[in-house]
Amino acid sequence: MNTLLDRNQLERLRVLLLDDSKTMRGLLRGLLNSMGVKDVFEAGHAADALEVIKNERPDVAIVDYRLPDLDGLELTTILRRGADSPNRFIPIILCSAHLSVQVLRQAMNCGVDEFLVKPVSAADVRSKFEAVILKRREFVETPTYFGPCRRRGMVQSYNGPWRRATDAERTDSANDDADEADQWLAFKTPELKTYK
């Protein structure tokens, strides 16, 4: 499996930029154009972004965290769980200068795929595109969550059927094998469905 996007692939990408700052949208557009991305759609409000997603069908959305109408997390929730969502599976990259651990946790629980911290570089954007296009995580659906699997890695030494730190049946030895990041990202998954 190729893990790098080539220029031809980048030229075919359709990207939505949602940021209330026209200046930031212009900077991101210039950065994307310099990478070879030609089709860039801009929106300054979440409502406009929903229309762009519905009508233009972008491949990826770069969404600012702080917006005037809905924030990036509320928009992600609408896209992932809304009955009239124009695209539940669109890759969403949350972009912000203010990504705290609390915001990261909330973003993951809403269904954000990846994170960009401002100021962004072309290398940062390319790496996030590669993550959401070439190495996309499976989607899971539970009664309280729909989105990419929040686990970013697998514990190689894990031997049992239980995959979450919150499972009551998980053994002490499995807990010993779980790394700190795995425990931080753990969640209970009754009625788990996966989508590839």
C-alpha atoms as a PDB file:
ATOM      1  CA  MET A   1       0.000   0.000   0.000  1.00  0.00           C
ATOM      2  CA  ASN A   2       1.363   3.401  -0.982  1.00  0.00           C
ATOM      3  CA  THR A   3       1.674   5.705   2.034  1.00  0.00           C
ATOM      4  CA  LEU A   4       2.492   8.916   0.177  1.00  0.00           C
ATOM      5  CA  LEU A   5       0.216  11.040  -1.972  1.00  0.00           C
ATOM      6  CA  ASP A   6       1.750  11.973  -5.311  1.00  0.00           C
ATOM      7  CA  ARG A   7       1.098  15.217  -7.141  1.00  0.00           C
ATOM      8  CA  ASN A   8      -1.472  13.613  -9.475  1.00  0.00           C
ATOM      9  CA  GLN A   9      -3.512  12.442  -6.486  1.00  0.00           C
ATOM     10  CA  LEU A  10      -3.295  15.879  -4.873  1.00  0.00           C
ATOM     11  CA  GLU A  11      -4.424  17.533  -8.111  1.00  0.00           C
ATOM     12  CA  ARG A  12      -7.600  15.416  -8.075  1.00  0.00           C
ATOM     13  CA  LEU A  13      -8.506  16.240  -4.451  1.00  0.00           C
ATOM     14  CA  ARG A  14     -11.510  18.426  -3.723  1.00  0.00           C
ATOM     15  CA  VAL A  15     -11.043  20.239  -0.413  1.00  0.00           C
ATOM     16  CA  LEU A  16     -13.409  22.322   1.708  1.00  0.00           C
ATOM     17  CA  LEU A  17     -11.875  25.049   3.875  1.00  0.00           C
ATOM     18  CA  LEU A  18     -14.148  26.187   6.687  1.00  0.00           C
ATOM     19  CA  ASP A  19     -12.740  29.116   8.643  1.00  0.00           C
ATOM     20  CA  ASP A  20     -14.375  32.385   9.618  1.00  0.00           C
ATOM     21  CA  SER A  21     -11.133  34.229   8.832  1.00  0.00           C
ATOM     22  CA  LYS A  22     -10.879  35.124   5.148  1.00  0.00           C
ATOM     23  CA  THR A  23      -7.148  35.656   5.661  1.00  0.00           C
ATOM     24  CA  MET A  24      -6.683  32.141   7.055  1.00  0.00           C
ATOM     25  CA  ARG A  25      -8.733  30.648   4.225  1.00  0.00           C
ATOM     26  CA  GLY A  26      -6.523  32.526   1.754  1.00  0.00           C
ATOM     27  CA  LEU A  27      -3.348  31.230   3.416  1.00  0.00           C
ATOM     28  CA  LEU A  28      -4.640  27.651   3.420  1.00  0.00           C
ATOM     29  CA  ARG A  29      -5.806  27.960  -0.199  1.00  0.00           C
ATOM     30  CA  GLY A  30      -2.353  29.175  -1.229  1.00  0.00           C
ATOM     31  CA  LEU A  31      -0.705  26.336   0.656  1.00  0.00           C
ATOM     32  CA  LEU A  32      -3.043  23.760  -0.935  1.00  0.00           C
ATOM     33  CA  ASN A  33      -2.529  25.240  -4.411  1.00  0.00           C
ATOM     34  CA  SER A  34       1.251  25.069  -3.948  1.00  0.00           C
ATOM     35  CA  MET A  35       0.853  21.348  -3.100  1.00  0.00           C
ATOM     36  CA  GLY A  36      -1.098  20.828  -6.328  1.00  0.00           C
ATOM     37  CA  VAL A  37      -4.679  20.867  -4.966  1.00  0.00           C
ATOM     38  CA  LYS A  38      -6.781  22.710  -7.537  1.00  0.00           C
ATOM     39  CA  ASP A  39     -10.378  22.335  -6.328  1.00  0.00           C
ATOM     40  CA  VAL A  40     -10.673  24.299  -3.090  1.00  0.00           C
ATOM     41  CA  PHE A  41     -14.058  25.426  -1.765  1.00  0.00           C
ATOM     42  CA  GLU A  42     -14.249  28.076   0.936  1.00  0.00           C
ATOM     43  CA  ALA A  43     -16.865  28.705   3.594  1.00  0.00           C
ATOM     44  CA  GLY A  44     -16.929  31.169   6.484  1.00  0.00           C
ATOM     45  CA  HIS A  45     -19.902  29.633   8.309  1.00  0.00           C
ATOM     46  CA  ALA A  46     -20.990  26.082   9.129  1.00  0.00           C
ATOM     47  CA  ALA A  47     -24.278  26.489   7.223  1.00  0.00           C
ATOM     48  CA  ASP A  48     -22.344  27.430   4.084  1.00  0.00           C
ATOM     49  CA  ALA A  49     -20.022  24.450   4.612  1.00  0.00           C
ATOM     50  CA  LEU A  50     -22.979  22.063   4.769  1.00  0.00           C
ATOM     51  CA  GLU A  51     -24.210  23.417   1.436  1.00  0.00           C
ATOM     52  CA  VAL A  52     -20.744  23.001  -0.111  1.00  0.00           C
ATOM     53  CA  ILE A  53     -20.569  19.406   1.135  1.00  0.00           C
ATOM     54  CA  LYS A  54     -24.035  18.697  -0.251  1.00  0.00           C
ATOM     55  CA  ASN A  55     -23.507  20.348  -3.649  1.00  0.00           C
ATOM     56  CA  GLU A  56     -19.784  20.026  -4.396  1.00  0.00           C
ATOM     57  CA  ARG A  57     -18.970  16.704  -2.654  1.00  0.00           C
ATOM     58  CA  PRO A  58     -15.440  17.559  -1.453  1.00  0.00           C
ATOM     59  CA  ASP A  59     -13.081  14.693  -0.557  1.00  0.00           C
ATOM     60  CA  VAL A  60     -11.753  16.309   2.638  1.00  0.00           C
ATOM     61  CA  ALA A  61     -12.896  19.106   4.957  1.00  0.00           C
ATOM     62  CA  ILE A  62     -10.485  21.257   6.945  1.00  0.00           C
ATOM     63  CA  VAL A  63     -12.658  22.743   9.678  1.00  0.00           C
ATOM     64  CA  ASP A  64     -11.713  25.500  12.115  1.00  0.00           C
ATOM     65  CA  TYR A  65     -12.546  24.809  15.750  1.00  0.00           C
ATOM     66  CA  ARG A  66     -13.917  28.276  16.548  1.00  0.00           C
ATOM     67  CA  LEU A  67     -16.634  29.521  14.238  1.00  0.00           C
ATOM     68  CA  PRO A  68     -19.316  32.206  14.607  1.00  0.00           C
ATOM     69  CA  ASP A  69     -22.430  30.025  14.222  1.00  0.00           C
ATOM     70  CA  LEU A  70     -21.550  26.441  15.144  1.00  0.00           C
ATOM     71  CA  ASP A  71     -18.103  25.406  16.298  1.00  0.00           C
ATOM     72  CA  GLY A  72     -16.158  22.746  14.404  1.00  0.00           C
ATOM     73  CA  LEU A  73     -17.198  20.045  16.874  1.00  0.00           C
ATOM     74  CA  GLU A  74     -20.907  20.820  16.528  1.00  0.00           C
ATOM     75  CA  LEU A  75     -20.566  20.710  12.752  1.00  0.00           C
ATOM     76  CA  THR A  76     -18.743  17.377  12.976  1.00  0.00           C
ATOM     77  CA  THR A  77     -21.553  15.980  15.136  1.00  0.00           C
ATOM     78  CA  ILE A  78     -24.137  17.110  12.572  1.00  0.00           C
ATOM     79  CA  LEU A  79     -22.147  15.536   9.745  1.00  0.00           C
ATOM     80  CA  ARG A  80     -21.534  12.250  11.558  1.00  0.00           C
ATOM     81  CA  ARG A  81     -24.860  11.747  13.330  1.00  0.00           C
ATOM     82  CA  GLY A  82     -27.383  14.022  11.620  1.00  0.00           C
ATOM     83  CA  ALA A  83     -30.292  12.304   9.896  1.00  0.00           C
ATOM     84  CA  ASP A  84     -29.950  14.674   6.931  1.00  0.00           C
ATOM     85  CA  SER A  85     -26.139  14.724   6.816  1.00  0.00           C
ATOM     86  CA  PRO A  86     -24.873  15.335   3.278  1.00  0.00           C
ATOM     87  CA  ASN A  87     -21.877  12.996   3.878  1.00  0.00           C
ATOM     88  CA  ARG A  88     -21.394  11.045   7.125  1.00  0.00           C
ATOM     89  CA  PHE A  89     -18.031   9.679   5.953  1.00  0.00           C
ATOM     90  CA  ILE A  90     -16.263  12.872   4.817  1.00  0.00           C
ATOM     91  CA  PRO A  91     -12.764  13.047   6.310  1.00  0.00           C
ATOM     92  CA  ILE A  92     -12.692  15.938   8.786  1.00  0.00           C
ATOM     93  CA  ILE A  93      -9.452  17.610   9.822  1.00  0.00           C
ATOM     94  CA  LEU A  94      -9.967  19.978  12.761  1.00  0.00           C
ATOM     95  CA  CYS A  95      -7.709  23.039  12.620  1.00  0.00           C
ATOM     96  CA  SER A  96      -7.090  25.388  15.515  1.00  0.00           C
ATOM     97  CA  ALA A  97      -4.494  27.399  17.362  1.00  0.00           C
ATOM     98  CA  HIS A  98      -6.112  26.251  20.630  1.00  0.00           C
ATOM     99  CA  LEU A  99      -6.014  22.453  20.762  1.00  0.00           C
ATOM    100  CA  SER A 100      -6.005  21.448  24.411  1.00  0.00           C
ATOM    101  CA  VAL A 101      -6.260  17.856  25.626  1.00  0.00           C
ATOM    102  CA  GLN A 102      -9.919  18.545  26.491  1.00  0.00           C
ATOM    103  CA  VAL A 103     -10.668  19.797  22.970  1.00  0.00           C
ATOM    104  CA  LEU A 104      -8.839  16.816  21.457  1.00  0.00           C
ATOM    105  CA  ARG A 105     -10.948  14.399  23.509  1.00  0.00           C
ATOM    106  CA  GLN A 106     -14.160  16.197  22.554  1.00  0.00           C
ATOM    107  CA  ALA A 107     -13.106  16.220  18.898  1.00  0.00           C
ATOM    108  CA  MET A 108     -12.397  12.501  18.902  1.00  0.00           C
ATOM    109  CA  ASN A 109     -15.774  11.832  20.535  1.00  0.00           C
ATOM    110  CA  CYS A 110     -17.517  13.876  17.812  1.00  0.00           C
ATOM    111  CA  GLY A 111     -15.855  11.941  14.991  1.00  0.00           C
ATOM    112  CA  VAL A 112     -12.978  14.177  13.863  1.00  0.00           C
ATOM    113  CA  ASP A 113     -10.401  12.230  11.834  1.00  0.00           C
ATOM    114  CA  GLU A 114      -7.256  14.319  12.348  1.00  0.00           C
ATOM    115  CA  PHE A 115      -5.982  17.561  13.899  1.00  0.00           C
ATOM    116  CA  LEU A 116      -3.925  20.484  12.583  1.00  0.00           C
ATOM    117  CA  VAL A 117      -2.441  23.078  14.897  1.00  0.00           C
ATOM    118  CA  LYS A 118      -1.994  26.613  13.554  1.00  0.00           C
ATOM    119  CA  PRO A 119       0.290  27.811  12.167  1.00  0.00           C
ATOM    120  CA  VAL A 120       0.179  24.968   9.654  1.00  0.00           C
ATOM    121  CA  SER A 121       2.797  23.918   7.129  1.00  0.00           C
ATOM    122  CA  ALA A 122       2.512  22.098   3.821  1.00  0.00           C
ATOM    123  CA  ALA A 123       4.160  19.057   5.432  1.00  0.00           C
ATOM    124  CA  ASP A 124       1.538  19.039   8.207  1.00  0.00           C
ATOM    125  CA  VAL A 125      -1.346  19.244   5.733  1.00  0.00           C
ATOM    126  CA  ARG A 126       0.138  16.562   3.460  1.00  0.00           C
ATOM    127  CA  SER A 127       0.619  14.198   6.403  1.00  0.00           C
ATOM    128  CA  LYS A 128      -3.002  14.681   7.518  1.00  0.00           C
ATOM    129  CA  PHE A 129      -4.282  14.138   3.960  1.00  0.00           C
ATOM    130  CA  GLU A 130      -2.257  10.916   3.770  1.00  0.00           C
ATOM    131  CA  ALA A 131      -3.718   9.799   7.102  1.00  0.00           C
ATOM    132  CA  VAL A 132      -7.347  10.405   6.065  1.00  0.00           C
ATOM    133  CA  ILE A 133      -7.021   9.184   2.473  1.00  0.00           C
ATOM    134  CA  LEU A 134      -4.377   6.466   2.365  1.00  0.00           C
ATOM    135  CA  LYS A 135      -4.542   5.216   5.957  1.00  0.00           C
ATOM    136  CA  ARG A 136      -8.167   5.878   6.828  1.00  0.00           C
ATOM    137  CA  ARG A 137      -9.308   4.250  10.045  1.00  0.00           C
ATOM    138  CA  GLU A 138     -12.421   2.056   9.978  1.00  0.00           C
ATOM    139  CA  PHE A 139     -15.656   3.725  10.971  1.00  0.00           C
ATOM    140  CA  VAL A 140     -17.542   2.388  13.959  1.00  0.00           C
ATOM    141  CA  GLU A 141     -21.111   2.931  15.058  1.00  0.00           C
ATOM    142  CA  THR A 142     -22.460   2.549  18.573  1.00  0.00           C
ATOM    143  CA  PRO A 143     -25.599   4.003  20.152  1.00  0.00           C
ATOM    144  CA  THR A 144     -23.581   7.097  21.136  1.00  0.00           C
ATOM    145  CA  TYR A 145     -20.863   7.418  18.471  1.00  0.00           C
ATOM    146  CA  PHE A 146     -20.363   7.297  14.720  1.00  0.00           C
ATOM    147  CA  GLY A 147     -16.994   8.031  13.159  1.00  0.00           C
ATOM    148  CA  PRO A 148     -13.476   6.779  12.672  1.00  0.00           C
ATOM    149  CA  CYS A 149     -12.243   4.304  15.251  1.00  0.00           C
ATOM    150  CA  ARG A 150     -10.739   6.386  18.035  1.00  0.00           C
ATOM    151  CA  ARG A 151      -7.967   3.887  18.652  1.00  0.00           C
ATOM    152  CA  ARG A 152      -4.876   4.926  16.734  1.00  0.00           C
ATOM    153  CA  GLY A 153      -2.800   1.838  17.352  1.00  0.00           C
ATOM    154  CA  MET A 154      -3.037  -1.727  18.414  1.00  0.00           C
ATOM    155  CA  VAL A 155      -1.224  -3.199  21.398  1.00  0.00           C
ATOM    156  CA  GLN A 156       0.804  -5.977  19.809  1.00  0.00           C
ATOM    157  CA  SER A 157       1.095  -8.022  23.008  1.00  0.00           C
ATOM    158  CA  TYR A 158      -2.660  -8.103  23.695  1.00  0.00           C
ATOM    159  CA  ASN A 159      -3.994 -11.690  23.602  1.00  0.00           C
ATOM    160  CA  GLY A 160      -7.641 -11.545  24.663  1.00  0.00           C
ATOM    161  CA  PRO A 161     -10.960 -10.751  23.020  1.00  0.00           C
ATOM    162  CA  TRP A 162     -11.566  -7.535  24.987  1.00  0.00           C
ATOM    163  CA  ARG A 163     -10.362  -4.394  23.239  1.00  0.00           C
ATOM    164  CA  ARG A 164     -11.382  -1.566  25.563  1.00  0.00           C
ATOM    165  CA  ALA A 165      -9.971  -0.551  28.940  1.00  0.00           C
ATOM    166  CA  THR A 166     -13.512  -0.034  30.278  1.00  0.00           C
ATOM    167  CA  ASP A 167     -14.650  -3.593  29.589  1.00  0.00           C
ATOM    168  CA  ALA A 168     -15.426  -5.141  32.977  1.00  0.00           C
ATOM    169  CA  GLU A 169     -14.235  -8.537  31.756  1.00  0.00           C
ATOM    170  CA  ARG A 170     -10.768  -7.323  30.808  1.00  0.00           C
ATOM    171  CA  THR A 171      -8.110  -9.153  32.772  1.00  0.00           C
ATOM    172  CA  ASP A 172      -5.372  -7.616  34.888  1.00  0.00           C
ATOM    173  CA  SER A 173      -2.698  -8.940  32.532  1.00  0.00           C
ATOM    174  CA  ALA A 174      -4.386  -7.271  29.570  1.00  0.00           C
ATOM    175  CA  ASN A 175      -4.557  -4.044  31.573  1.00  0.00           C
ATOM    176  CA  ASP A 176      -0.828  -4.337  32.225  1.00  0.00           C
ATOM    177  CA  ASP A 177      -0.216  -4.629  28.488  1.00  0.00           C
ATOM    178  CA  ALA A 178      -2.348  -1.610  27.549  1.00  0.00           C
ATOM    179  CA  ASP A 179      -0.251   1.474  26.964  1.00  0.00           C
ATOM    180  CA  GLU A 180      -1.131   4.910  28.346  1.00  0.00           C
ATOM    181  CA  ALA A 181      -2.470   6.263  25.045  1.00  0.00           C
ATOM    182  CA  ASP A 182      -4.681   3.208  24.604  1.00  0.00           C
ATOM    183  CA  GLN A 183      -6.229   3.751  28.020  1.00  0.00           C
ATOM    184  CA  TRP A 184      -6.731   7.461  27.329  1.00  0.00           C
ATOM    185  CA  LEU A 185      -8.562   6.699  24.097  1.00  0.00           C
ATOM    186  CA  ALA A 186     -10.571   3.802  25.522  1.00  0.00           C
ATOM    187  CA  PHE A 187     -14.319   3.707  25.220  1.00  0.00           C
ATOM    188  CA  LYS A 188     -17.087   1.159  25.760  1.00  0.00           C
ATOM    189  CA  THR A 189     -18.594  -0.158  22.542  1.00  0.00           C
ATOM    190  CA  PRO A 190     -21.885  -2.045  22.945  1.00  0.00           C
ATOM    191  CA  GLU A 191     -23.404  -3.052  19.623  1.00  0.00           C
ATOM    192  CA  LEU A 192     -20.246  -2.141  17.688  1.00  0.00           C
ATOM    193  CA  LYS A 193     -20.578  -1.933  13.894  1.00  0.00           C
ATOM    194  CA  THR A 194     -17.605  -1.282  11.626  1.00  0.00           C
ATOM    195  CA  TYR A 195     -17.502   0.263   8.151  1.00  0.00           C
ATOM    196  CA  LYS A 196     -14.624  -0.039   5.712  1.00  0.00           C
END
